[in-house]
Amino acid sequence: MSQQLSVAMPSHVIERVMQKRGRMRIFDRFEPSRTALVIIDMQCFYVDGLPAALQIIPVINRLASAFRERGAHVAWVSMTAGRGGKSLWPLYHDYFFSADNGARHRDGLTPGNPGHKLHPLLDVQPGDIQSSKDRFSAFFPGACDLHDQLARRAIENVAIGGVVTNFCCETSARDAMMLDYRVAMVSDANAARYAEDHQAGFTTVFQSFGDVLTSDELLDEVLR
């Protein structure tokens, strides 16, 4: 079974959540017209080196199609780490990488580089929202225009998928909640390098930032 399909909250986390709010799920319904599927960093640079990311592409495409059919929105967010050979996040590249790996990350996620493009197997449509960020979070002020694009469409609910679960996806979920979006992370539409990382991202979000739902739960029970 793939890591994307094997998410189960630890018993102590469930116990804490039930003591805190008295229910497992936070939100019962997302109004489609006020909801966006937000897919994070499904670019060739990341996806081609992460088999788990390839596995979730069919799920993401199914979600995107269903969202459009129901009058909801689809947003694709890309990481842009460099321009013209210069880092857009020098502290990250200078201190958190070796020199070679920092340059590879910077240049591979520079517009015009094949790695910067969204993966060709993704069903991206002309009417979809596209946005670029230069930090982990798609909702960090000043780092991405996604919040502004969603606000213009009166979006109040976001369902988050993409890579990787415990970095850019989890961080985006946290910041979206801080901006008063109602958040769900889609367990089988996220991918991480390791099963433990995948689980950790969801465990944190489930406790205080949003729901963690399968794609079937989202489509059959919430987006209606």
N, C-alpha and C. Protein backbone atom coordinates (compact mmCIF):
# COMPACT_ATOMS: atom_id res chain seq x y z
N MET A 1 0.86 -1.20 0.00
CA MET A 1 0.00 0.00 0.00
C MET A 1 0.89 1.24 0.00
N SER A 2 0.56 2.22 -0.81
CA SER A 2 1.39 3.43 -0.87
C SER A 2 1.22 4.25 0.39
N GLN A 3 2.23 5.08 0.68
CA GLN A 3 2.17 5.89 1.89
C GLN A 3 0.99 6.85 1.86
N GLN A 4 0.56 7.28 0.67
CA GLN A 4 -0.52 8.24 0.58
C GLN A 4 -1.86 7.66 1.03
N LEU A 5 -1.99 6.33 1.08
CA LEU A 5 -3.24 5.70 1.43
C LEU A 5 -3.22 5.08 2.82
N SER A 6 -2.17 5.33 3.60
CA SER A 6 -2.02 4.64 4.88
C SER A 6 -1.88 5.64 6.03
N VAL A 7 -2.77 6.62 6.08
CA VAL A 7 -2.73 7.63 7.13
C VAL A 7 -3.73 7.26 8.22
N ALA A 8 -3.25 7.17 9.44
CA ALA A 8 -4.11 6.91 10.59
C ALA A 8 -3.60 7.74 11.75
N MET A 9 -4.47 8.52 12.36
CA MET A 9 -4.05 9.37 13.46
C MET A 9 -3.72 8.52 14.70
N PRO A 10 -2.63 8.83 15.38
CA PRO A 10 -2.30 8.11 16.61
C PRO A 10 -3.42 8.25 17.65
N SER A 11 -3.59 7.24 18.47
CA SER A 11 -4.69 7.24 19.43
C SER A 11 -4.59 8.40 20.41
N HIS A 12 -3.36 8.77 20.82
CA HIS A 12 -3.23 9.87 21.76
C HIS A 12 -3.62 11.20 21.13
N VAL A 13 -3.42 11.33 19.81
CA VAL A 13 -3.82 12.55 19.11
C VAL A 13 -5.34 12.61 19.01
N ILE A 14 -5.96 11.50 18.68
CA ILE A 14 -7.42 11.46 18.62
C ILE A 14 -8.02 11.80 19.99
N GLU A 15 -7.44 11.23 21.04
CA GLU A 15 -7.93 11.51 22.39
C GLU A 15 -7.83 13.00 22.71
N ARG A 16 -6.71 13.61 22.35
CA ARG A 16 -6.54 15.04 22.63
C ARG A 16 -7.53 15.87 21.84
N VAL A 17 -7.72 15.53 20.56
CA VAL A 17 -8.66 16.27 19.72
C VAL A 17 -10.09 16.16 20.25
N MET A 18 -10.48 14.97 20.67
CA MET A 18 -11.83 14.80 21.19
C MET A 18 -12.02 15.58 22.48
N GLN A 19 -11.00 15.63 23.32
CA GLN A 19 -11.09 16.44 24.53
C GLN A 19 -11.17 17.92 24.19
N LYS A 20 -10.48 18.31 23.15
CA LYS A 20 -10.40 19.72 22.78
C LYS A 20 -11.68 20.22 22.12
N ARG A 21 -12.18 19.46 21.10
CA ARG A 21 -13.32 19.98 20.35
C ARG A 21 -14.52 19.05 20.32
N GLY A 22 -14.36 17.83 20.81
CA GLY A 22 -15.51 16.95 20.93
C GLY A 22 -15.97 16.32 19.64
N ARG A 23 -15.20 16.43 18.59
CA ARG A 23 -15.56 15.85 17.30
C ARG A 23 -14.29 15.66 16.48
N MET A 24 -14.34 14.70 15.56
CA MET A 24 -13.17 14.44 14.72
C MET A 24 -13.06 15.46 13.60
N ARG A 25 -14.16 15.68 12.88
CA ARG A 25 -14.12 16.58 11.74
C ARG A 25 -14.53 17.98 12.16
N ILE A 26 -13.83 18.96 11.63
CA ILE A 26 -14.10 20.36 11.99
C ILE A 26 -15.22 20.93 11.14
N PHE A 27 -15.13 20.72 9.82
CA PHE A 27 -16.06 21.36 8.88
C PHE A 27 -16.93 20.30 8.20
N ASP A 28 -18.22 20.55 8.18
CA ASP A 28 -19.16 19.59 7.58
C ASP A 28 -19.32 19.80 6.08
N ARG A 29 -19.19 21.03 5.63
CA ARG A 29 -19.49 21.30 4.23
C ARG A 29 -18.68 22.48 3.73
N PHE A 30 -18.20 22.37 2.49
CA PHE A 30 -17.58 23.47 1.77
C PHE A 30 -18.50 23.86 0.61
N GLU A 31 -18.95 25.08 0.58
CA GLU A 31 -19.73 25.58 -0.55
C GLU A 31 -18.81 25.62 -1.78
N PRO A 32 -19.15 24.90 -2.87
CA PRO A 32 -18.22 24.82 -4.01
C PRO A 32 -17.78 26.17 -4.56
N SER A 33 -18.69 27.10 -4.70
CA SER A 33 -18.33 28.38 -5.31
C SER A 33 -17.33 29.17 -4.47
N ARG A 34 -17.20 28.81 -3.20
CA ARG A 34 -16.28 29.50 -2.30
C ARG A 34 -15.09 28.61 -1.89
N THR A 35 -14.82 27.61 -2.73
CA THR A 35 -13.80 26.63 -2.40
C THR A 35 -12.77 26.51 -3.53
N ALA A 36 -11.52 26.33 -3.16
CA ALA A 36 -10.45 26.11 -4.14
C ALA A 36 -9.63 24.90 -3.76
N LEU A 37 -9.32 24.10 -4.77
CA LEU A 37 -8.30 23.06 -4.65
C LEU A 37 -6.96 23.73 -4.90
N VAL A 38 -6.07 23.69 -3.92
CA VAL A 38 -4.76 24.34 -4.03
C VAL A 38 -3.69 23.25 -4.10
N ILE A 39 -3.05 23.14 -5.24
CA ILE A 39 -2.02 22.12 -5.46
C ILE A 39 -0.65 22.78 -5.43
N ILE A 40 0.19 22.28 -4.55
CA ILE A 40 1.46 22.92 -4.22
C ILE A 40 2.64 22.20 -4.88
N ASP A 41 3.44 22.93 -5.65
CA ASP A 41 4.80 22.52 -6.07
C ASP A 41 4.88 21.22 -6.87
N MET A 42 3.86 20.90 -7.64
CA MET A 42 3.91 19.69 -8.47
C MET A 42 4.67 20.00 -9.76
N GLN A 43 5.91 20.40 -9.58
CA GLN A 43 6.79 20.78 -10.68
C GLN A 43 7.75 19.64 -11.01
N CYS A 44 8.27 19.66 -12.21
CA CYS A 44 9.16 18.59 -12.65
C CYS A 44 10.36 18.43 -11.72
N PHE A 45 10.89 19.53 -11.20
CA PHE A 45 12.06 19.46 -10.32
C PHE A 45 11.80 18.53 -9.14
N TYR A 46 10.61 18.62 -8.56
CA TYR A 46 10.26 17.80 -7.41
C TYR A 46 9.69 16.44 -7.83
N VAL A 47 8.74 16.44 -8.74
CA VAL A 47 7.99 15.23 -9.05
C VAL A 47 8.89 14.16 -9.68
N ASP A 48 9.78 14.56 -10.58
CA ASP A 48 10.60 13.58 -11.28
C ASP A 48 11.55 12.84 -10.34
N GLY A 49 11.83 13.39 -9.19
CA GLY A 49 12.72 12.73 -8.24
C GLY A 49 12.01 12.11 -7.06
N LEU A 50 10.68 12.04 -7.13
CA LEU A 50 9.91 11.56 -5.99
C LEU A 50 8.79 10.65 -6.48
N PRO A 51 9.01 9.34 -6.49
CA PRO A 51 7.99 8.42 -7.01
C PRO A 51 6.61 8.60 -6.36
N ALA A 52 6.58 8.92 -5.08
CA ALA A 52 5.28 9.11 -4.42
C ALA A 52 4.50 10.26 -5.03
N ALA A 53 5.21 11.26 -5.56
CA ALA A 53 4.52 12.38 -6.19
C ALA A 53 3.86 11.96 -7.50
N LEU A 54 4.52 11.09 -8.25
CA LEU A 54 3.90 10.57 -9.47
C LEU A 54 2.63 9.79 -9.15
N GLN A 55 2.62 9.08 -8.03
CA GLN A 55 1.47 8.28 -7.66
C GLN A 55 0.21 9.10 -7.42
N ILE A 56 0.38 10.33 -6.95
CA ILE A 56 -0.80 11.13 -6.61
C ILE A 56 -1.35 11.94 -7.78
N ILE A 57 -0.68 11.95 -8.91
CA ILE A 57 -1.16 12.74 -10.04
C ILE A 57 -2.57 12.34 -10.47
N PRO A 58 -2.91 11.05 -10.61
CA PRO A 58 -4.28 10.70 -10.98
C PRO A 58 -5.32 11.21 -9.97
N VAL A 59 -4.99 11.17 -8.69
CA VAL A 59 -5.91 11.68 -7.66
C VAL A 59 -6.10 13.18 -7.82
N ILE A 60 -5.00 13.89 -8.02
CA ILE A 60 -5.08 15.35 -8.20
C ILE A 60 -5.92 15.69 -9.42
N ASN A 61 -5.70 14.99 -10.52
CA ASN A 61 -6.47 15.27 -11.74
C ASN A 61 -7.96 14.98 -11.55
N ARG A 62 -8.27 13.91 -10.82
CA ARG A 62 -9.68 13.59 -10.55
C ARG A 62 -10.32 14.68 -9.70
N LEU A 63 -9.60 15.13 -8.70
CA LEU A 63 -10.11 16.21 -7.86
C LEU A 63 -10.32 17.49 -8.67
N ALA A 64 -9.33 17.84 -9.49
CA ALA A 64 -9.43 19.07 -10.27
C ALA A 64 -10.65 19.04 -11.19
N SER A 65 -10.88 17.92 -11.84
CA SER A 65 -12.03 17.79 -12.72
C SER A 65 -13.34 17.92 -11.94
N ALA A 66 -13.42 17.25 -10.80
CA ALA A 66 -14.64 17.31 -9.99
C ALA A 66 -14.88 18.71 -9.45
N PHE A 67 -13.82 19.39 -9.03
CA PHE A 67 -13.97 20.76 -8.54
C PHE A 67 -14.54 21.66 -9.63
N ARG A 68 -13.98 21.58 -10.83
CA ARG A 68 -14.49 22.41 -11.92
C ARG A 68 -15.95 22.10 -12.22
N GLU A 69 -16.29 20.83 -12.26
CA GLU A 69 -17.67 20.43 -12.57
C GLU A 69 -18.66 20.97 -11.56
N ARG A 70 -18.22 21.13 -10.32
CA ARG A 70 -19.12 21.58 -9.25
C ARG A 70 -19.09 23.10 -9.05
N GLY A 71 -18.34 23.79 -9.89
CA GLY A 71 -18.28 25.25 -9.77
C GLY A 71 -17.26 25.73 -8.76
N ALA A 72 -16.39 24.84 -8.31
CA ALA A 72 -15.30 25.24 -7.43
C ALA A 72 -14.09 25.62 -8.28
N HIS A 73 -13.04 26.05 -7.62
CA HIS A 73 -11.86 26.58 -8.30
C HIS A 73 -10.66 25.65 -8.13
N VAL A 74 -9.71 25.78 -9.05
CA VAL A 74 -8.48 24.99 -9.00
C VAL A 74 -7.30 25.95 -9.11
N ALA A 75 -6.36 25.82 -8.18
CA ALA A 75 -5.18 26.69 -8.17
C ALA A 75 -3.91 25.85 -8.15
N TRP A 76 -2.97 26.21 -9.02
CA TRP A 76 -1.68 25.54 -9.10
C TRP A 76 -0.61 26.52 -8.62
N VAL A 77 0.13 26.13 -7.59
CA VAL A 77 1.15 27.00 -7.02
C VAL A 77 2.52 26.39 -7.30
N SER A 78 3.44 27.22 -7.80
CA SER A 78 4.79 26.78 -8.13
C SER A 78 5.81 27.49 -7.26
N MET A 79 6.87 26.77 -6.93
CA MET A 79 7.99 27.36 -6.21
C MET A 79 8.93 28.03 -7.21
N THR A 80 9.30 29.28 -6.97
CA THR A 80 10.30 29.98 -7.77
C THR A 80 11.42 30.38 -6.83
N ALA A 81 12.57 29.75 -6.99
CA ALA A 81 13.67 29.94 -6.05
C ALA A 81 14.76 30.89 -6.54
N GLY A 82 14.78 31.14 -7.85
CA GLY A 82 15.83 32.01 -8.37
C GLY A 82 15.41 32.73 -9.63
N ARG A 83 16.12 33.79 -9.94
CA ARG A 83 15.94 34.54 -11.20
C ARG A 83 17.30 35.07 -11.63
N GLY A 84 17.65 34.83 -12.88
CA GLY A 84 18.90 35.35 -13.40
C GLY A 84 20.12 34.90 -12.63
N GLY A 85 20.09 33.69 -12.10
CA GLY A 85 21.24 33.17 -11.35
C GLY A 85 21.33 33.65 -9.92
N LYS A 86 20.35 34.42 -9.47
CA LYS A 86 20.36 34.93 -8.10
C LYS A 86 19.24 34.28 -7.30
N SER A 87 19.54 33.96 -6.07
CA SER A 87 18.56 33.35 -5.18
C SER A 87 17.52 34.37 -4.73
N LEU A 88 16.27 33.92 -4.67
CA LEU A 88 15.21 34.74 -4.09
C LEU A 88 15.07 34.50 -2.59
N TRP A 89 15.86 33.56 -2.08
CA TRP A 89 15.83 33.23 -0.65
C TRP A 89 17.25 32.90 -0.22
N PRO A 90 18.13 33.90 -0.18
CA PRO A 90 19.56 33.64 0.07
C PRO A 90 19.83 32.92 1.38
N LEU A 91 19.12 33.27 2.44
CA LEU A 91 19.39 32.62 3.71
C LEU A 91 19.19 31.11 3.61
N TYR A 92 18.13 30.70 2.94
CA TYR A 92 17.84 29.27 2.79
C TYR A 92 18.93 28.58 1.97
N HIS A 93 19.27 29.18 0.84
CA HIS A 93 20.25 28.54 -0.04
C HIS A 93 21.66 28.59 0.53
N ASP A 94 22.00 29.63 1.25
CA ASP A 94 23.37 29.77 1.77
C ASP A 94 23.63 28.93 3.01
N TYR A 95 22.59 28.68 3.82
CA TYR A 95 22.82 28.03 5.10
C TYR A 95 22.23 26.62 5.21
N PHE A 96 21.22 26.30 4.44
CA PHE A 96 20.54 25.02 4.59
C PHE A 96 20.95 24.00 3.52
N PHE A 97 21.83 24.37 2.62
CA PHE A 97 22.33 23.50 1.57
C PHE A 97 23.86 23.58 1.51
N SER A 98 24.46 22.56 0.94
CA SER A 98 25.82 22.73 0.47
C SER A 98 25.79 23.69 -0.71
N ALA A 99 26.94 24.22 -1.10
CA ALA A 99 26.97 25.19 -2.19
C ALA A 99 26.42 24.59 -3.48
N ASP A 100 26.79 23.37 -3.80
CA ASP A 100 26.32 22.74 -5.04
C ASP A 100 24.82 22.47 -5.00
N ASN A 101 24.33 21.97 -3.88
CA ASN A 101 22.90 21.67 -3.79
C ASN A 101 22.06 22.94 -3.74
N GLY A 102 22.58 23.99 -3.13
CA GLY A 102 21.87 25.25 -3.12
C GLY A 102 21.72 25.82 -4.52
N ALA A 103 22.79 25.73 -5.30
CA ALA A 103 22.74 26.22 -6.69
C ALA A 103 21.79 25.36 -7.53
N ARG A 104 21.78 24.06 -7.28
CA ARG A 104 20.90 23.17 -8.04
C ARG A 104 19.43 23.49 -7.74
N HIS A 105 19.11 23.70 -6.48
CA HIS A 105 17.75 24.05 -6.09
C HIS A 105 17.35 25.40 -6.69
N ARG A 106 18.22 26.38 -6.54
CA ARG A 106 17.96 27.73 -7.07
C ARG A 106 17.72 27.69 -8.58
N ASP A 107 18.62 27.06 -9.31
CA ASP A 107 18.54 27.09 -10.77
C ASP A 107 17.45 26.17 -11.31
N GLY A 108 17.23 25.03 -10.65
CA GLY A 108 16.19 24.12 -11.11
C GLY A 108 14.80 24.68 -10.94
N LEU A 109 14.66 25.64 -10.03
CA LEU A 109 13.36 26.27 -9.78
C LEU A 109 13.36 27.73 -10.22
N THR A 110 14.09 27.99 -11.31
CA THR A 110 14.12 29.30 -11.96
C THR A 110 13.25 29.26 -13.21
N PRO A 111 12.40 30.25 -13.44
CA PRO A 111 11.59 30.26 -14.66
C PRO A 111 12.45 30.10 -15.90
N GLY A 112 12.00 29.25 -16.81
CA GLY A 112 12.75 28.93 -18.02
C GLY A 112 13.48 27.62 -17.92
N ASN A 113 13.77 27.17 -16.70
CA ASN A 113 14.38 25.86 -16.51
C ASN A 113 13.28 24.80 -16.59
N PRO A 114 13.53 23.67 -17.27
CA PRO A 114 12.49 22.63 -17.36
C PRO A 114 11.97 22.16 -16.01
N GLY A 115 12.80 22.20 -14.99
CA GLY A 115 12.37 21.76 -13.67
C GLY A 115 11.32 22.65 -13.05
N HIS A 116 11.25 23.91 -13.48
CA HIS A 116 10.30 24.86 -12.91
C HIS A 116 8.87 24.61 -13.41
N LYS A 117 8.73 23.92 -14.50
CA LYS A 117 7.40 23.73 -15.10
C LYS A 117 6.56 22.74 -14.30
N LEU A 118 5.24 22.97 -14.31
CA LEU A 118 4.33 21.98 -13.74
C LEU A 118 4.46 20.68 -14.52
N HIS A 119 4.33 19.56 -13.83
CA HIS A 119 4.52 18.27 -14.47
C HIS A 119 3.53 18.09 -15.62
N PRO A 120 3.96 17.59 -16.77
CA PRO A 120 3.10 17.52 -17.95
C PRO A 120 1.90 16.58 -17.80
N LEU A 121 1.92 15.67 -16.83
CA LEU A 121 0.78 14.77 -16.65
C LEU A 121 -0.36 15.41 -15.87
N LEU A 122 -0.14 16.60 -15.33
CA LEU A 122 -1.19 17.30 -14.59
C LEU A 122 -2.20 17.91 -15.56
N ASP A 123 -3.47 17.85 -15.18
CA ASP A 123 -4.55 18.39 -16.02
C ASP A 123 -4.78 19.85 -15.68
N VAL A 124 -3.89 20.69 -16.16
CA VAL A 124 -3.99 22.14 -15.94
C VAL A 124 -4.82 22.75 -17.06
N GLN A 125 -5.84 23.52 -16.69
CA GLN A 125 -6.75 24.10 -17.68
C GLN A 125 -6.58 25.63 -17.72
N PRO A 126 -6.91 26.24 -18.87
CA PRO A 126 -6.70 27.69 -19.01
C PRO A 126 -7.42 28.53 -17.96
N GLY A 127 -8.57 28.09 -17.48
CA GLY A 127 -9.31 28.88 -16.50
C GLY A 127 -8.84 28.72 -15.08
N ASP A 128 -7.84 27.86 -14.85
CA ASP A 128 -7.35 27.64 -13.49
C ASP A 128 -6.49 28.82 -13.02
N ILE A 129 -6.41 28.96 -11.72
CA ILE A 129 -5.53 29.95 -11.10
C ILE A 129 -4.10 29.41 -11.12
N GLN A 130 -3.15 30.28 -11.44
CA GLN A 130 -1.74 29.91 -11.31
C GLN A 130 -1.03 30.99 -10.50
N SER A 131 -0.15 30.54 -9.63
CA SER A 131 0.54 31.46 -8.74
C SER A 131 1.94 30.94 -8.47
N SER A 132 2.83 31.85 -8.11
CA SER A 132 4.22 31.49 -7.81
C SER A 132 4.58 32.00 -6.43
N LYS A 133 5.39 31.22 -5.71
CA LYS A 133 5.83 31.62 -4.37
C LYS A 133 7.35 31.50 -4.27
N ASP A 134 7.94 32.21 -3.30
CA ASP A 134 9.37 32.08 -3.10
C ASP A 134 9.71 31.73 -1.65
N ARG A 135 8.72 31.21 -0.93
CA ARG A 135 8.92 30.65 0.40
C ARG A 135 8.13 29.35 0.47
N PHE A 136 8.25 28.61 1.57
CA PHE A 136 7.54 27.35 1.67
C PHE A 136 6.03 27.54 1.53
N SER A 137 5.49 28.53 2.22
CA SER A 137 4.04 28.69 2.29
C SER A 137 3.49 29.48 1.12
N ALA A 138 2.38 28.99 0.58
CA ALA A 138 1.67 29.71 -0.48
C ALA A 138 0.84 30.86 0.07
N PHE A 139 0.75 30.97 1.39
CA PHE A 139 -0.06 32.01 2.01
C PHE A 139 0.77 32.97 2.86
N PHE A 140 2.11 32.89 2.73
CA PHE A 140 2.95 33.79 3.51
C PHE A 140 2.91 35.18 2.89
N PRO A 141 2.61 36.22 3.67
CA PRO A 141 2.48 37.57 3.12
C PRO A 141 3.73 38.02 2.39
N GLY A 142 3.55 38.53 1.19
CA GLY A 142 4.66 39.05 0.39
C GLY A 142 5.42 38.01 -0.41
N ALA A 143 5.15 36.72 -0.15
CA ALA A 143 5.89 35.67 -0.85
C ALA A 143 5.09 35.04 -1.98
N CYS A 144 3.79 35.33 -2.06
CA CYS A 144 2.93 34.69 -3.05
C CYS A 144 1.66 35.53 -3.20
N ASP A 145 1.11 35.57 -4.41
CA ASP A 145 -0.11 36.33 -4.63
C ASP A 145 -1.37 35.47 -4.58
N LEU A 146 -1.24 34.22 -4.11
CA LEU A 146 -2.40 33.33 -4.09
C LEU A 146 -3.54 33.88 -3.24
N HIS A 147 -3.22 34.38 -2.06
CA HIS A 147 -4.26 34.92 -1.18
C HIS A 147 -5.05 36.02 -1.89
N ASP A 148 -4.37 36.90 -2.58
CA ASP A 148 -5.06 37.98 -3.30
C ASP A 148 -5.95 37.41 -4.40
N GLN A 149 -5.45 36.42 -5.12
CA GLN A 149 -6.26 35.83 -6.19
C GLN A 149 -7.49 35.12 -5.64
N LEU A 150 -7.34 34.44 -4.52
CA LEU A 150 -8.48 33.76 -3.91
C LEU A 150 -9.47 34.78 -3.34
N ALA A 151 -8.96 35.82 -2.73
CA ALA A 151 -9.84 36.83 -2.14
C ALA A 151 -10.71 37.50 -3.20
N ARG A 152 -10.15 37.73 -4.38
CA ARG A 152 -10.95 38.34 -5.46
C ARG A 152 -12.10 37.44 -5.89
N ARG A 153 -11.98 36.16 -5.64
CA ARG A 153 -13.03 35.20 -6.00
C ARG A 153 -13.89 34.81 -4.80
N ALA A 154 -13.70 35.49 -3.69
CA ALA A 154 -14.46 35.25 -2.46
C ALA A 154 -14.30 33.82 -1.95
N ILE A 155 -13.10 33.26 -2.11
CA ILE A 155 -12.82 31.91 -1.64
C ILE A 155 -12.62 31.94 -0.12
N GLU A 156 -13.28 31.01 0.56
CA GLU A 156 -13.11 30.91 2.01
C GLU A 156 -12.68 29.51 2.46
N ASN A 157 -12.70 28.54 1.54
CA ASN A 157 -12.33 27.17 1.86
C ASN A 157 -11.22 26.71 0.92
N VAL A 158 -10.21 26.02 1.45
CA VAL A 158 -9.15 25.50 0.59
C VAL A 158 -8.88 24.04 0.93
N ALA A 159 -8.74 23.23 -0.11
CA ALA A 159 -8.33 21.84 0.01
C ALA A 159 -6.93 21.74 -0.58
N ILE A 160 -5.98 21.26 0.21
CA ILE A 160 -4.57 21.36 -0.16
C ILE A 160 -4.00 19.99 -0.50
N GLY A 161 -3.28 19.94 -1.63
CA GLY A 161 -2.55 18.75 -2.04
C GLY A 161 -1.22 19.15 -2.63
N GLY A 162 -0.39 18.16 -2.98
CA GLY A 162 0.89 18.44 -3.62
C GLY A 162 2.07 17.87 -2.85
N VAL A 163 3.21 18.55 -2.97
CA VAL A 163 4.45 18.10 -2.33
C VAL A 163 5.14 19.27 -1.62
N VAL A 164 5.95 18.92 -0.60
CA VAL A 164 5.81 17.68 0.13
C VAL A 164 4.89 17.93 1.32
N THR A 165 4.28 16.84 1.80
CA THR A 165 3.25 16.94 2.83
C THR A 165 3.68 17.79 4.01
N ASN A 166 4.86 17.53 4.55
CA ASN A 166 5.29 18.12 5.82
C ASN A 166 6.13 19.38 5.67
N PHE A 167 6.28 19.87 4.46
CA PHE A 167 6.98 21.14 4.26
C PHE A 167 6.01 22.18 3.67
N CYS A 168 6.01 22.31 2.37
CA CYS A 168 5.24 23.38 1.75
C CYS A 168 3.73 23.19 1.91
N CYS A 169 3.27 21.95 1.90
CA CYS A 169 1.82 21.71 2.02
C CYS A 169 1.34 22.00 3.44
N GLU A 170 2.03 21.43 4.42
CA GLU A 170 1.66 21.69 5.81
C GLU A 170 1.80 23.17 6.16
N THR A 171 2.90 23.79 5.73
CA THR A 171 3.12 25.21 6.04
C THR A 171 2.04 26.07 5.41
N SER A 172 1.63 25.73 4.19
CA SER A 172 0.55 26.46 3.54
C SER A 172 -0.76 26.28 4.29
N ALA A 173 -1.03 25.06 4.76
CA ALA A 173 -2.25 24.82 5.52
C ALA A 173 -2.27 25.64 6.80
N ARG A 174 -1.14 25.68 7.49
CA ARG A 174 -1.07 26.47 8.72
C ARG A 174 -1.37 27.95 8.45
N ASP A 175 -0.69 28.52 7.46
CA ASP A 175 -0.86 29.95 7.18
C ASP A 175 -2.25 30.26 6.63
N ALA A 176 -2.82 29.34 5.86
CA ALA A 176 -4.18 29.57 5.37
C ALA A 176 -5.16 29.66 6.53
N MET A 177 -5.03 28.76 7.49
CA MET A 177 -5.89 28.83 8.67
C MET A 177 -5.70 30.14 9.42
N MET A 178 -4.45 30.60 9.51
CA MET A 178 -4.17 31.86 10.20
C MET A 178 -4.82 33.05 9.49
N LEU A 179 -5.07 32.89 8.19
CA LEU A 179 -5.76 33.92 7.42
C LEU A 179 -7.26 33.70 7.39
N ASP A 180 -7.75 32.77 8.21
CA ASP A 180 -9.17 32.49 8.38
C ASP A 180 -9.80 31.72 7.22
N TYR A 181 -9.00 31.00 6.45
CA TYR A 181 -9.57 30.02 5.52
C TYR A 181 -9.95 28.76 6.31
N ARG A 182 -10.99 28.12 5.85
CA ARG A 182 -11.32 26.79 6.36
C ARG A 182 -10.52 25.79 5.52
N VAL A 183 -9.74 24.97 6.19
CA VAL A 183 -8.70 24.18 5.52
C VAL A 183 -8.97 22.68 5.63
N ALA A 184 -8.71 21.98 4.55
CA ALA A 184 -8.62 20.52 4.56
C ALA A 184 -7.38 20.11 3.79
N MET A 185 -6.59 19.20 4.34
CA MET A 185 -5.52 18.57 3.59
C MET A 185 -6.05 17.23 3.07
N VAL A 186 -5.76 16.95 1.81
CA VAL A 186 -6.27 15.73 1.17
C VAL A 186 -5.20 14.66 1.27
N SER A 187 -5.45 13.62 2.07
CA SER A 187 -4.39 12.69 2.43
C SER A 187 -3.81 11.95 1.23
N ASP A 188 -4.65 11.56 0.28
CA ASP A 188 -4.14 10.80 -0.87
C ASP A 188 -3.79 11.69 -2.05
N ALA A 189 -3.79 13.01 -1.85
CA ALA A 189 -3.34 13.96 -2.87
C ALA A 189 -2.11 14.72 -2.42
N ASN A 190 -1.49 14.27 -1.33
CA ASN A 190 -0.21 14.80 -0.86
C ASN A 190 0.83 13.69 -0.92
N ALA A 191 2.09 14.08 -1.03
CA ALA A 191 3.18 13.11 -1.04
C ALA A 191 4.37 13.67 -0.28
N ALA A 192 5.11 12.75 0.35
CA ALA A 192 6.32 13.11 1.07
C ALA A 192 7.41 12.09 0.75
N ARG A 193 8.62 12.37 1.18
CA ARG A 193 9.73 11.46 0.89
C ARG A 193 9.67 10.19 1.74
N TYR A 194 9.15 10.34 2.95
CA TYR A 194 9.10 9.21 3.87
C TYR A 194 7.72 9.13 4.50
N ALA A 195 7.28 7.91 4.81
CA ALA A 195 5.96 7.72 5.41
C ALA A 195 5.84 8.47 6.73
N GLU A 196 6.93 8.51 7.51
CA GLU A 196 6.89 9.19 8.80
C GLU A 196 6.67 10.70 8.61
N ASP A 197 7.29 11.28 7.58
CA ASP A 197 7.09 12.70 7.31
C ASP A 197 5.67 12.98 6.86
N HIS A 198 5.16 12.10 6.02
CA HIS A 198 3.78 12.22 5.52
C HIS A 198 2.81 12.24 6.70
N GLN A 199 2.98 11.31 7.61
CA GLN A 199 2.12 11.22 8.79
C GLN A 199 2.27 12.44 9.68
N ALA A 200 3.50 12.88 9.89
CA ALA A 200 3.74 14.00 10.79
C ALA A 200 3.05 15.28 10.33
N GLY A 201 3.07 15.52 9.02
CA GLY A 201 2.41 16.72 8.51
C GLY A 201 0.92 16.71 8.79
N PHE A 202 0.29 15.57 8.57
CA PHE A 202 -1.14 15.46 8.81
C PHE A 202 -1.48 15.52 10.29
N THR A 203 -0.65 14.90 11.11
CA THR A 203 -0.93 14.88 12.54
C THR A 203 -0.97 16.29 13.11
N THR A 204 -0.04 17.13 12.69
CA THR A 204 -0.01 18.51 13.17
C THR A 204 -1.23 19.28 12.70
N VAL A 205 -1.55 19.18 11.41
CA VAL A 205 -2.70 19.92 10.87
C VAL A 205 -3.99 19.48 11.54
N PHE A 206 -4.17 18.18 11.71
CA PHE A 206 -5.40 17.63 12.28
C PHE A 206 -5.69 18.20 13.66
N GLN A 207 -4.65 18.47 14.43
CA GLN A 207 -4.86 18.92 15.81
C GLN A 207 -5.36 20.36 15.90
N SER A 208 -4.87 21.24 15.05
CA SER A 208 -5.21 22.66 15.27
C SER A 208 -5.33 23.51 14.02
N PHE A 209 -5.20 22.94 12.82
CA PHE A 209 -5.19 23.79 11.63
C PHE A 209 -6.25 23.44 10.59
N GLY A 210 -6.75 22.22 10.57
CA GLY A 210 -7.75 21.88 9.57
C GLY A 210 -8.07 20.40 9.58
N ASP A 211 -8.96 20.01 8.71
CA ASP A 211 -9.31 18.60 8.56
C ASP A 211 -8.29 17.87 7.70
N VAL A 212 -8.21 16.58 7.88
CA VAL A 212 -7.44 15.70 7.01
C VAL A 212 -8.42 14.68 6.44
N LEU A 213 -8.66 14.77 5.12
CA LEU A 213 -9.68 13.96 4.46
C LEU A 213 -9.08 13.20 3.29
N THR A 214 -9.66 12.06 2.95
CA THR A 214 -9.33 11.43 1.69
C THR A 214 -10.04 12.16 0.56
N SER A 215 -9.61 11.92 -0.66
CA SER A 215 -10.27 12.55 -1.80
C SER A 215 -11.74 12.13 -1.88
N ASP A 216 -12.04 10.87 -1.56
CA ASP A 216 -13.43 10.41 -1.59
C ASP A 216 -14.26 11.12 -0.52
N GLU A 217 -13.72 11.26 0.67
CA GLU A 217 -14.45 11.98 1.72
C GLU A 217 -14.72 13.41 1.32
N LEU A 218 -13.73 14.05 0.73
CA LEU A 218 -13.89 15.44 0.30
C LEU A 218 -15.00 15.56 -0.75
N LEU A 219 -14.96 14.70 -1.75
CA LEU A 219 -15.92 14.83 -2.85
C LEU A 219 -17.31 14.30 -2.47
N ASP A 220 -17.37 13.25 -1.69
CA ASP A 220 -18.66 12.63 -1.40
C ASP A 220 -19.38 13.25 -0.22
N GLU A 221 -18.65 13.87 0.69
CA GLU A 221 -19.26 14.32 1.93
C GLU A 221 -19.15 15.82 2.19
N VAL A 222 -18.13 16.47 1.67
CA VAL A 222 -17.85 17.87 2.07
C VAL A 222 -18.11 18.87 0.96
N LEU A 223 -17.65 18.58 -0.26
CA LEU A 223 -17.81 19.55 -1.35
C LEU A 223 -19.17 19.31 -2.03
N ARG A 224 -20.20 19.87 -1.45
CA ARG A 224 -21.54 19.62 -1.96
C ARG A 224 -22.42 20.84 -1.74
